[in-house]
């Protein structure tokens, strides 16, 4: 049975994966606000009595009704107002609440790439969002930052496949069925945790579970000064690696490199900034402001400059903002990051993307390979390398890279499907290209030209021309010949393959 998704404004609630998204990005909200929201949207505009909501959020638990009021208030703050300026949730005094916004219900199709396929041979792990024991949104940023860093550190462990952040955060911190989540993500091990930060102190509770047997391999609680949080992070990584030592192909000399220390204020700006980079044009602008503040507080923190590089390339490529200026700044920040930390995988990945945009394919190859040596589970790098393989005339290798990236990031941002469709088309797998490029997450990106070409190659000319017209509405000056001249294909037959599909679809030569 297909699972349902409830779409309202910029939000999507995926009932099957217990996940909430805003503008395509996972939203970390507490267990009970999510349960209340799900109960409200599933009622489809009907009033939900208070008792039913209490059962949804506090099953088999006796709590005061005032707790419901507090959680509804927190949920309203997180959702904001609808595009019409109205509250999403209406109150019916002494009765209950009703979801009052415009709601669309969708049936979800199966994923294009099976997350479980290909992950069983090697140890694989997902770090789920940590619960934060407070309604303070600042604690949410801090908890999410710790998870981001733990994912990044575990991704550097040889032989361990680590699910990307975007997909881990598709599941909120309530984790009622760890085995089901592990199955959906295609992993054998799951890390769960909680964070409490109060008055200069931090408490981190963490648990490592073997999901297939639901057996706890290790659990511990850490208490310490907030200033020592980076040392606590290192301890957690060591303990996870030690618990998996018997299944990891670690050499006798392997040792996790400790995380570079910084002051906690700079760290707060970093974790708040990097999560906004792919959020929206406005979010990306705010991200740069926050990251610049982190750099001001700690000018030697390489990861800040790496994320500044990502932000500027995102502005140029995703949003078309001051393309040349943003690309130049992105390259400069990537080089700055590497000057401070030659092993920063994000910096190498951004440098590879920069060289790819410039058509310097050999330099792009070198940078991507370095990024993957440092972080073998860096799914974003794999997807970008898939683009490189298409240009190098290796479409089947491109497909393998893109599919592997989706196994590590099975709930990806839309541009993954664009790159996967690009690779499928190059490999002559037009049916798969159409399926990938019709994913809702792709939106109306330039991927529509590849969709039109794929449909044309399948002989579905009427649909192909419709997609070509939609593409030209956004890109009225597009010429297939001009596009072809700008692409650094190593083989002319690969370039002509795309031009052939474009012209069959009715795009101007």
Protein backbone atom coordinates (compact mmCIF):
# COMPACT_ATOMS: atom_id res chain seq x y z
CA UNK A 1 0.00 0.00 0.00
CA UNK A 2 1.38 3.41 -0.99
CA UNK A 3 2.04 5.78 1.89
CA UNK A 4 0.40 9.20 2.03
CA UNK A 5 1.98 12.64 2.01
CA UNK A 6 0.10 15.75 3.14
CA UNK A 7 1.15 18.94 1.36
CA UNK A 8 0.35 22.39 2.76
CA UNK A 9 2.13 25.61 1.82
CA UNK A 10 5.89 24.96 1.85
CA UNK A 11 5.46 21.87 4.04
CA UNK A 12 5.14 18.17 3.27
CA UNK A 13 4.28 15.67 6.01
CA UNK A 14 5.27 12.15 4.96
CA UNK A 15 3.22 9.79 7.11
CA UNK A 16 5.14 6.70 6.00
CA UNK A 17 8.54 7.96 7.10
CA UNK A 18 7.27 10.10 10.00
CA UNK A 19 9.01 13.10 8.46
CA UNK A 20 8.18 16.77 7.95
CA UNK A 21 9.80 18.79 5.16
CA UNK A 22 9.85 22.53 4.49
CA UNK A 23 10.81 23.62 0.97
CA UNK A 24 12.18 20.12 0.44
CA UNK A 25 14.40 20.09 3.53
CA UNK A 26 13.76 17.98 6.64
CA UNK A 27 12.35 19.83 9.66
CA UNK A 28 13.45 18.64 13.09
CA UNK A 29 10.49 19.00 15.44
CA UNK A 30 9.77 17.20 18.65
CA UNK A 31 8.02 13.85 18.92
CA UNK A 32 4.76 15.18 20.29
CA UNK A 33 4.34 18.20 17.98
CA UNK A 34 4.83 15.85 15.03
CA UNK A 35 2.27 13.36 16.37
CA UNK A 36 -0.23 16.18 16.89
CA UNK A 37 0.35 17.58 13.41
CA UNK A 38 -0.08 14.16 11.84
CA UNK A 39 -3.34 13.59 13.70
CA UNK A 40 -4.64 16.98 12.58
CA UNK A 41 -3.81 16.64 8.88
CA UNK A 42 -5.09 13.07 8.74
CA UNK A 43 -8.47 14.38 9.93
CA UNK A 44 -8.63 16.40 6.66
CA UNK A 45 -10.36 19.48 8.01
CA UNK A 46 -12.46 17.83 10.70
CA UNK A 47 -12.21 18.93 14.32
CA UNK A 48 -10.05 16.54 16.35
CA UNK A 49 -11.19 16.28 19.97
CA UNK A 50 -8.67 17.02 22.68
CA UNK A 51 -8.86 13.46 23.95
CA UNK A 52 -7.91 12.06 20.54
CA UNK A 53 -4.96 14.43 20.30
CA UNK A 54 -3.83 13.48 23.80
CA UNK A 55 -3.93 9.82 22.78
CA UNK A 56 -1.90 10.56 19.65
CA UNK A 57 0.88 12.38 21.50
CA UNK A 58 0.79 10.71 24.92
CA UNK A 59 -0.41 7.17 24.28
CA UNK A 60 -0.96 5.21 27.51
CA UNK A 61 0.31 8.16 29.57
CA UNK A 62 -1.62 10.31 32.02
CA UNK A 63 -0.73 13.99 31.57
CA UNK A 64 -2.44 17.30 32.23
CA UNK A 65 -4.40 18.89 29.38
CA UNK A 66 -2.19 21.96 29.71
CA UNK A 67 0.56 19.94 28.04
CA UNK A 68 -1.54 19.81 24.88
CA UNK A 69 -1.88 23.60 24.89
CA UNK A 70 1.90 24.00 25.23
CA UNK A 71 2.66 21.59 22.39
CA UNK A 72 0.08 23.12 20.04
CA UNK A 73 1.60 26.55 20.74
CA UNK A 74 5.10 25.21 19.92
CA UNK A 75 3.76 23.66 16.72
CA UNK A 76 2.13 26.93 15.66
CA UNK A 77 5.37 28.83 16.25
CA UNK A 78 7.31 26.37 14.10
CA UNK A 79 4.82 26.38 11.22
CA UNK A 80 4.27 30.14 11.19
CA UNK A 81 1.30 31.35 9.18
CA UNK A 82 -0.12 30.15 5.87
CA UNK A 83 0.49 32.00 2.58
CA UNK A 84 -2.86 33.73 3.25
CA UNK A 85 -1.59 35.00 6.59
CA UNK A 86 -3.83 32.69 8.60
CA UNK A 87 -3.01 30.17 11.33
CA UNK A 88 -2.64 26.59 10.11
CA UNK A 89 -4.39 25.29 13.23
CA UNK A 90 -7.76 26.58 14.43
CA UNK A 91 -8.90 26.30 18.07
CA UNK A 92 -12.37 25.15 19.05
CA UNK A 93 -12.63 26.10 22.74
CA UNK A 94 -13.34 23.22 25.12
CA UNK A 95 -13.62 20.85 22.13
CA UNK A 96 -10.35 20.47 20.22
CA UNK A 97 -8.43 21.69 17.19
CA UNK A 98 -8.79 21.60 13.42
CA UNK A 99 -6.23 21.85 10.62
CA UNK A 100 -7.51 24.92 8.77
CA UNK A 101 -5.08 25.25 5.87
CA UNK A 102 -5.40 24.17 2.25
CA UNK A 103 -4.29 20.54 2.17
CA UNK A 104 -3.31 18.27 -0.73
CA UNK A 105 -2.95 14.52 -0.24
CA UNK A 106 -0.56 12.53 -2.40
CA UNK A 107 0.14 8.84 -2.78
CA UNK A 108 3.92 8.20 -2.71
CA UNK A 109 5.52 5.95 -5.26
CA UNK A 110 8.38 3.57 -4.52
CA UNK A 111 11.87 5.09 -4.54
CA UNK A 112 13.80 5.00 -7.81
CA UNK A 113 16.79 3.38 -6.13
CA UNK A 114 16.25 0.76 -3.43
CA UNK A 115 18.13 2.01 -0.39
CA UNK A 116 18.71 -1.49 0.92
CA UNK A 117 20.31 -2.78 -2.27
CA UNK A 118 24.06 -2.50 -2.18
CA UNK A 119 24.35 -1.54 1.49
CA UNK A 120 24.19 -5.03 2.96
CA UNK A 121 27.70 -6.14 2.02
CA UNK A 122 29.45 -3.52 4.16
CA UNK A 123 28.71 -2.16 7.63
CA UNK A 124 26.23 0.70 7.24
CA UNK A 125 24.92 3.21 9.75
CA UNK A 126 22.49 6.11 10.10
CA UNK A 127 22.64 8.81 12.75
CA UNK A 128 19.10 9.98 13.47
CA UNK A 129 18.31 13.51 14.69
CA UNK A 130 18.93 13.85 18.41
CA UNK A 131 15.99 14.77 20.62
CA UNK A 132 16.47 18.12 22.33
CA UNK A 133 14.89 18.34 25.76
CA UNK A 134 13.58 21.89 25.51
CA UNK A 135 11.22 24.08 23.48
CA UNK A 136 14.12 26.51 22.92
CA UNK A 137 14.83 26.53 19.14
CA UNK A 138 18.48 27.31 19.83
CA UNK A 139 18.81 23.85 21.41
CA UNK A 140 17.43 22.36 18.19
CA UNK A 141 20.22 24.03 16.19
CA UNK A 142 22.80 22.80 18.66
CA UNK A 143 21.48 19.22 18.67
CA UNK A 144 21.32 19.12 14.87
CA UNK A 145 24.86 20.47 14.68
CA UNK A 146 26.15 17.65 16.88
CA UNK A 147 24.45 15.11 14.59
CA UNK A 148 25.92 16.76 11.48
CA UNK A 149 29.40 16.55 12.96
CA UNK A 150 28.94 12.95 14.06
CA UNK A 151 27.82 12.01 10.53
CA UNK A 152 30.84 13.80 9.07
CA UNK A 153 33.27 12.10 11.46
CA UNK A 154 31.83 8.60 10.98
CA UNK A 155 31.90 9.10 7.20
CA UNK A 156 35.69 9.19 7.39
CA UNK A 157 35.91 5.73 8.98
CA UNK A 158 37.21 3.23 6.40
CA UNK A 159 34.72 0.57 5.38
CA UNK A 160 31.70 2.19 7.07
CA UNK A 161 28.88 3.41 4.83
CA UNK A 162 27.11 6.38 6.43
CA UNK A 163 23.71 7.70 5.38
CA UNK A 164 23.76 11.39 4.40
CA UNK A 165 22.30 14.05 6.65
CA UNK A 166 19.45 14.93 4.31
CA UNK A 167 18.07 11.40 4.55
CA UNK A 168 18.79 10.86 8.27
CA UNK A 169 16.84 14.03 9.00
CA UNK A 170 13.89 12.76 7.00
CA UNK A 171 13.02 10.93 10.23
CA UNK A 172 12.33 12.93 13.34
CA UNK A 173 13.71 12.23 16.77
CA UNK A 174 10.86 10.07 18.01
CA UNK A 175 12.21 6.86 16.38
CA UNK A 176 9.39 4.63 17.60
CA UNK A 177 10.41 1.85 15.23
CA UNK A 178 14.16 1.78 14.75
CA UNK A 179 14.00 -1.41 12.73
CA UNK A 180 11.56 0.11 10.23
CA UNK A 181 13.66 3.26 9.86
CA UNK A 182 16.79 1.17 9.35
CA UNK A 183 15.00 -0.82 6.65
CA UNK A 184 13.89 2.33 4.85
CA UNK A 185 17.41 3.75 4.96
CA UNK A 186 19.03 0.40 4.14
CA UNK A 187 21.34 0.25 7.16
CA UNK A 188 22.39 -2.32 9.74
CA UNK A 189 23.17 0.09 12.59
CA UNK A 190 21.42 3.16 13.97
CA UNK A 191 22.66 5.86 16.36
CA UNK A 192 20.05 7.72 18.41
CA UNK A 193 20.53 10.33 21.09
CA UNK A 194 19.32 13.28 23.08
CA UNK A 195 20.84 16.62 24.05
CA UNK A 196 20.21 19.01 26.90
CA UNK A 197 22.10 22.29 27.13
CA UNK A 198 21.59 24.47 30.19
CA UNK A 199 23.66 27.31 31.68
CA UNK A 200 27.06 26.32 30.36
CA UNK A 201 26.48 22.58 30.85
CA UNK A 202 25.63 19.92 28.29
CA UNK A 203 24.25 16.39 28.66
CA UNK A 204 24.40 13.99 25.71
CA UNK A 205 22.68 10.61 25.84
CA UNK A 206 23.50 8.23 22.99
CA UNK A 207 22.73 4.68 21.92
CA UNK A 208 24.04 2.42 19.13
CA UNK A 209 21.62 -0.29 17.97
CA UNK A 210 22.04 -3.23 15.63
CA UNK A 211 18.76 -2.72 13.81
CA UNK A 212 18.30 -6.21 12.37
CA UNK A 213 18.10 -7.71 15.87
CA UNK A 214 17.08 -4.51 17.71
CA UNK A 215 20.02 -5.20 20.04
CA UNK A 216 21.66 -2.30 21.86
CA UNK A 217 25.42 -2.54 21.26
CA UNK A 218 26.39 0.41 23.40
CA UNK A 219 24.75 3.25 25.31
CA UNK A 220 26.21 6.00 27.43
CA UNK A 221 25.47 9.41 28.90
CA UNK A 222 27.97 12.26 28.89
CA UNK A 223 27.83 15.28 31.20
CA UNK A 224 30.26 18.13 30.94
CA UNK A 225 30.97 21.80 30.41
CA UNK A 226 29.67 23.25 27.18
CA UNK A 227 33.22 24.37 26.36
CA UNK A 228 34.24 20.67 26.32
CA UNK A 229 31.54 19.58 23.88
CA UNK A 230 34.06 18.93 21.11
CA UNK A 231 35.92 16.50 23.33
CA UNK A 232 32.61 14.77 24.03
CA UNK A 233 32.03 14.49 20.26
CA UNK A 234 35.39 12.78 19.85
CA UNK A 235 34.58 10.35 22.66
CA UNK A 236 31.30 9.41 20.99
CA UNK A 237 33.03 8.68 17.66
CA UNK A 238 35.67 6.55 19.39
CA UNK A 239 33.00 4.57 21.24
CA UNK A 240 30.92 3.95 18.10
CA UNK A 241 33.98 2.80 16.16
CA UNK A 242 35.08 0.59 19.05
CA UNK A 243 31.63 -1.01 19.24
CA UNK A 244 31.82 -1.82 15.50
CA UNK A 245 35.49 -2.79 15.49
CA UNK A 246 34.77 -6.46 14.81
CA UNK A 247 32.91 -5.62 11.55
CA UNK A 248 35.09 -2.76 10.30
CA UNK A 249 38.19 -3.34 8.14
CA UNK A 250 40.35 -1.05 10.25
CA UNK A 251 44.09 -1.31 10.13
CA UNK A 252 45.99 -1.50 13.42
CA UNK A 253 47.11 2.09 13.08
CA UNK A 254 43.69 3.64 12.54
CA UNK A 255 42.82 6.45 14.89
CA UNK A 256 40.07 9.03 14.58
CA UNK A 257 41.54 12.50 14.15
CA UNK A 258 40.15 14.78 16.87
CA UNK A 259 37.82 17.56 15.77
CA UNK A 260 39.42 20.97 15.59
CA UNK A 261 38.43 23.02 18.62
CA UNK A 262 36.76 26.41 18.36
CA UNK A 263 34.81 28.64 20.69
CA UNK A 264 31.21 27.68 21.27
CA UNK A 265 29.85 30.98 19.93
CA UNK A 266 31.53 30.43 16.55
CA UNK A 267 30.23 26.87 16.54
CA UNK A 268 26.67 28.08 17.13
CA UNK A 269 26.88 30.41 14.13
CA UNK A 270 28.37 27.58 12.03
CA UNK A 271 25.65 25.03 12.79
CA UNK A 272 22.88 27.58 12.28
CA UNK A 273 24.38 28.75 9.00
CA UNK A 274 25.23 25.52 7.23
CA UNK A 275 21.73 24.06 7.62
CA UNK A 276 20.28 27.09 5.77
CA UNK A 277 22.58 26.90 2.75
CA UNK A 278 20.24 24.74 0.63
CA UNK A 279 17.04 26.06 2.18
CA UNK A 280 15.93 28.88 -0.16
CA UNK A 281 17.42 32.05 -1.69
CA UNK A 282 16.59 33.97 1.49
CA UNK A 283 17.90 31.13 3.66
CA UNK A 284 21.09 31.00 1.63
CA UNK A 285 21.61 34.75 2.15
CA UNK A 286 21.09 34.39 5.89
CA UNK A 287 23.45 31.42 5.92
CA UNK A 288 26.26 33.55 4.51
CA UNK A 289 25.67 36.18 7.19
CA UNK A 290 25.83 33.57 9.96
CA UNK A 291 28.87 31.81 8.48
CA UNK A 292 30.68 35.13 8.07
CA UNK A 293 30.06 35.81 11.76
CA UNK A 294 31.53 32.40 12.62
CA UNK A 295 34.60 33.21 10.50
CA UNK A 296 34.94 36.55 12.28
CA UNK A 297 34.92 34.81 15.66
CA UNK A 298 37.30 32.04 14.53
CA UNK A 299 39.17 32.99 11.33
CA UNK A 300 41.08 29.68 11.30
CA UNK A 301 38.05 27.36 11.18
CA UNK A 302 38.35 25.68 7.78
CA UNK A 303 34.86 24.19 7.71
CA UNK A 304 33.29 27.67 7.86
CA UNK A 305 35.03 28.71 4.63
CA UNK A 306 34.08 25.41 3.00
CA UNK A 307 30.41 26.11 3.72
CA UNK A 308 30.76 29.70 2.55
CA UNK A 309 32.04 28.24 -0.72
CA UNK A 310 29.01 25.95 -0.94
CA UNK A 311 26.72 28.91 -0.24
CA UNK A 312 28.16 31.05 -3.03
CA UNK A 313 28.06 28.23 -5.58
CA UNK A 314 24.50 27.48 -4.51
CA UNK A 315 23.57 31.13 -5.16
CA UNK A 316 25.16 30.98 -8.60
CA UNK A 317 24.00 27.56 -9.80
CA UNK A 318 20.68 27.02 -8.04
CA UNK A 319 19.37 30.59 -7.95
CA UNK A 320 21.26 32.30 -10.81
CA UNK A 321 22.40 35.19 -8.58
CA UNK A 322 25.46 37.17 -9.79
CA UNK A 323 26.80 33.99 -11.35
CA UNK A 324 30.37 35.06 -12.11
CA UNK A 325 30.87 36.95 -8.83
CA UNK A 326 29.47 34.12 -6.72
CA UNK A 327 31.48 31.47 -8.54
CA UNK A 328 34.66 33.51 -8.01
CA UNK A 329 33.90 33.91 -4.30
CA UNK A 330 33.02 30.22 -4.01
CA UNK A 331 36.35 29.21 -5.50
CA UNK A 332 38.25 31.63 -3.24
CA UNK A 333 36.55 30.30 -0.11
CA UNK A 334 37.18 26.68 -1.12
CA UNK A 335 40.88 27.44 -1.58
CA UNK A 336 40.93 29.28 1.77
CA UNK A 337 39.40 26.24 3.49
CA UNK A 338 42.04 23.94 2.01
CA UNK A 339 44.83 26.29 3.05
CA UNK A 340 43.61 25.83 6.65
CA UNK A 341 42.77 22.12 6.46
CA UNK A 342 43.98 20.13 3.46
CA UNK A 343 41.79 17.20 4.56
CA UNK A 344 38.45 19.03 4.52
CA UNK A 345 36.28 16.93 2.14
CA UNK A 346 33.68 19.65 1.58
CA UNK A 347 36.34 22.06 0.34
CA UNK A 348 37.70 19.51 -2.14
CA UNK A 349 34.19 18.67 -3.30
CA UNK A 350 33.37 22.34 -3.94
CA UNK A 351 36.69 22.81 -5.73
CA UNK A 352 35.86 19.83 -7.94
CA UNK A 353 32.47 21.35 -8.77
CA UNK A 354 34.16 24.67 -9.56
CA UNK A 355 36.57 22.99 -11.97
CA UNK A 356 33.69 21.03 -13.49
CA UNK A 357 31.81 24.28 -14.18
CA UNK A 358 34.95 25.66 -15.81
CA UNK A 359 35.32 22.58 -18.02
CA UNK A 360 38.65 21.64 -16.41
CA UNK A 361 37.77 17.97 -16.19
CA UNK A 362 41.14 16.57 -15.06
CA UNK A 363 41.33 19.01 -12.15
CA UNK A 364 37.71 18.24 -11.25
CA UNK A 365 38.55 14.52 -11.23
CA UNK A 366 41.50 15.07 -8.90
CA UNK A 367 39.48 17.19 -6.45
CA UNK A 368 36.54 14.76 -6.36
CA UNK A 369 38.83 11.78 -5.81
CA UNK A 370 40.52 13.59 -2.93
CA UNK A 371 37.13 14.40 -1.37
CA UNK A 372 36.06 10.74 -1.58
CA UNK A 373 39.35 9.47 -0.15
CA UNK A 374 38.78 11.71 2.85
CA UNK A 375 35.06 10.96 3.11
CA UNK A 376 34.06 7.82 1.17
CA UNK A 377 30.37 8.33 2.02
CA UNK A 378 30.15 11.88 0.63
CA UNK A 379 27.04 11.40 -1.52
CA UNK A 380 27.04 14.96 -2.92
CA UNK A 381 30.51 14.39 -4.35
CA UNK A 382 29.38 11.13 -5.98
CA UNK A 383 26.50 12.89 -7.73
CA UNK A 384 28.74 15.66 -9.02
CA UNK A 385 31.27 13.06 -10.16
CA UNK A 386 28.43 11.37 -12.09
CA UNK A 387 28.10 14.59 -14.09
CA UNK A 388 31.82 14.49 -14.72
CA UNK A 389 31.61 10.89 -15.98
CA UNK A 390 28.91 11.88 -18.50
CA UNK A 391 31.19 14.60 -19.87
CA UNK A 392 34.11 12.14 -19.95
CA UNK A 393 32.11 9.70 -22.08
CA UNK A 394 31.54 7.13 -19.32
CA UNK A 395 27.73 7.16 -18.91
CA UNK A 396 27.43 3.72 -17.33
CA UNK A 397 29.94 4.68 -14.64
CA UNK A 398 27.93 7.89 -14.19
CA UNK A 399 24.77 5.89 -13.53
CA UNK A 400 26.55 3.69 -10.99
CA UNK A 401 27.88 6.73 -9.12
CA UNK A 402 24.51 8.49 -9.07
CA UNK A 403 22.68 5.35 -7.92
CA UNK A 404 25.27 4.76 -5.19
CA UNK A 405 24.75 8.35 -4.05
CA UNK A 406 21.01 7.73 -3.76
CA UNK A 407 21.63 4.62 -1.69
CA UNK A 408 23.60 6.79 0.74
CA UNK A 409 21.02 9.56 0.48
CA UNK A 410 17.70 7.84 -0.32
CA UNK A 411 15.65 10.94 0.56
CA UNK A 412 17.70 13.46 -1.43
CA UNK A 413 17.22 17.04 -2.59
CA UNK A 414 15.77 17.47 -6.06
CA UNK A 415 19.04 18.09 -7.85
CA UNK A 416 20.07 14.48 -7.23
CA UNK A 417 17.25 13.36 -9.52
CA UNK A 418 18.30 15.91 -12.12
CA UNK A 419 21.83 14.48 -12.17
CA UNK A 420 20.54 10.90 -12.13
CA UNK A 421 18.27 11.68 -15.09
CA UNK A 422 21.20 13.29 -16.91
CA UNK A 423 23.23 10.09 -16.42
CA UNK A 424 20.34 7.81 -17.44
CA UNK A 425 19.82 9.79 -20.64
CA UNK A 426 23.53 9.66 -21.48
CA UNK A 427 23.43 5.88 -21.00
CA UNK A 428 20.37 5.55 -23.27
CA UNK A 429 18.14 4.50 -20.37
CA UNK A 430 15.30 6.84 -21.30
CA UNK A 431 12.52 5.16 -19.30
CA UNK A 432 14.53 5.52 -16.09
CA UNK A 433 15.44 9.10 -17.03
CA UNK A 434 11.76 10.01 -17.40
CA UNK A 435 10.93 8.45 -14.04
CA UNK A 436 13.75 10.32 -12.28
CA UNK A 437 13.03 13.67 -13.90
CA UNK A 438 9.32 13.51 -13.20
CA UNK A 439 9.98 13.37 -9.46
CA UNK A 440 8.16 16.21 -7.74
CA UNK A 441 11.36 17.27 -5.98
CA UNK A 442 12.98 18.22 -9.30
CA UNK A 443 10.51 21.07 -9.77
CA UNK A 444 10.88 23.21 -12.88
CA UNK A 445 14.65 23.11 -13.03
CA UNK A 446 16.54 22.92 -16.36
CA UNK A 447 16.07 19.16 -15.97
CA UNK A 448 12.90 19.63 -18.03
CA UNK A 449 14.99 19.81 -21.18
CA UNK A 450 16.42 16.35 -20.43
CA UNK A 451 12.91 15.09 -19.67
CA UNK A 452 11.73 16.43 -23.03
CA UNK A 453 14.66 14.79 -24.81
CA UNK A 454 14.07 11.45 -23.05
CA UNK A 455 10.39 11.43 -24.01
CA UNK A 456 11.33 12.26 -27.60
CA UNK A 457 13.80 9.38 -27.76
CA UNK A 458 10.99 7.08 -26.56
CA UNK A 459 8.77 8.32 -29.39
CA UNK A 460 6.39 10.13 -27.02
CA UNK A 461 6.56 13.30 -29.10
CA UNK A 462 3.40 15.00 -27.88
CA UNK A 463 4.51 14.82 -24.23
CA UNK A 464 8.05 15.74 -25.23
CA UNK A 465 6.87 18.94 -26.91
CA UNK A 466 4.75 19.85 -23.92
CA UNK A 467 7.78 19.57 -21.65
CA UNK A 468 9.89 21.50 -24.16
CA UNK A 469 7.32 24.32 -24.12
CA UNK A 470 7.38 24.39 -20.31
CA UNK A 471 11.16 24.59 -20.38
CA UNK A 472 11.14 27.44 -22.91
CA UNK A 473 8.73 29.43 -20.73
CA UNK A 474 11.56 29.70 -18.19
CA UNK A 475 14.45 29.72 -20.69
CA UNK A 476 13.10 31.58 -23.75
CA UNK A 477 16.52 32.16 -25.28
CA UNK A 478 17.65 28.52 -25.23
CA UNK A 479 19.33 27.18 -28.37
CA UNK A 480 20.52 23.56 -28.50
CA UNK A 481 23.56 24.55 -30.58
CA UNK A 482 24.61 27.25 -28.13
CA UNK A 483 24.18 24.83 -25.21
CA UNK A 484 26.25 22.19 -27.03
CA UNK A 485 29.09 24.62 -27.71
CA UNK A 486 29.32 25.46 -23.99
CA UNK A 487 29.55 21.86 -22.76
CA UNK A 488 33.03 20.30 -22.35
CA UNK A 489 32.17 16.82 -23.66
CA UNK A 490 35.27 14.79 -24.46
CA UNK A 491 33.45 12.94 -27.26
CA UNK A 492 31.45 14.77 -29.91
CA UNK A 493 29.02 11.84 -30.26
CA UNK A 494 27.93 12.36 -26.63
CA UNK A 495 27.26 16.05 -27.28
CA UNK A 496 25.30 15.19 -30.42
CA UNK A 497 23.24 12.62 -28.51
CA UNK A 498 21.79 15.38 -26.35
CA UNK A 499 21.30 17.78 -29.26
CA UNK A 500 19.44 15.04 -31.13
CA UNK A 501 17.02 14.57 -28.22
CA UNK A 502 16.49 18.31 -27.83
CA UNK A 503 15.64 18.86 -31.47
CA UNK A 504 13.35 15.83 -31.61
CA UNK A 505 11.47 17.33 -28.69
CA UNK A 506 11.04 20.60 -30.56
CA UNK A 507 13.64 22.73 -28.82
CA UNK A 508 15.22 25.25 -31.21
CA UNK A 509 18.59 24.38 -32.71
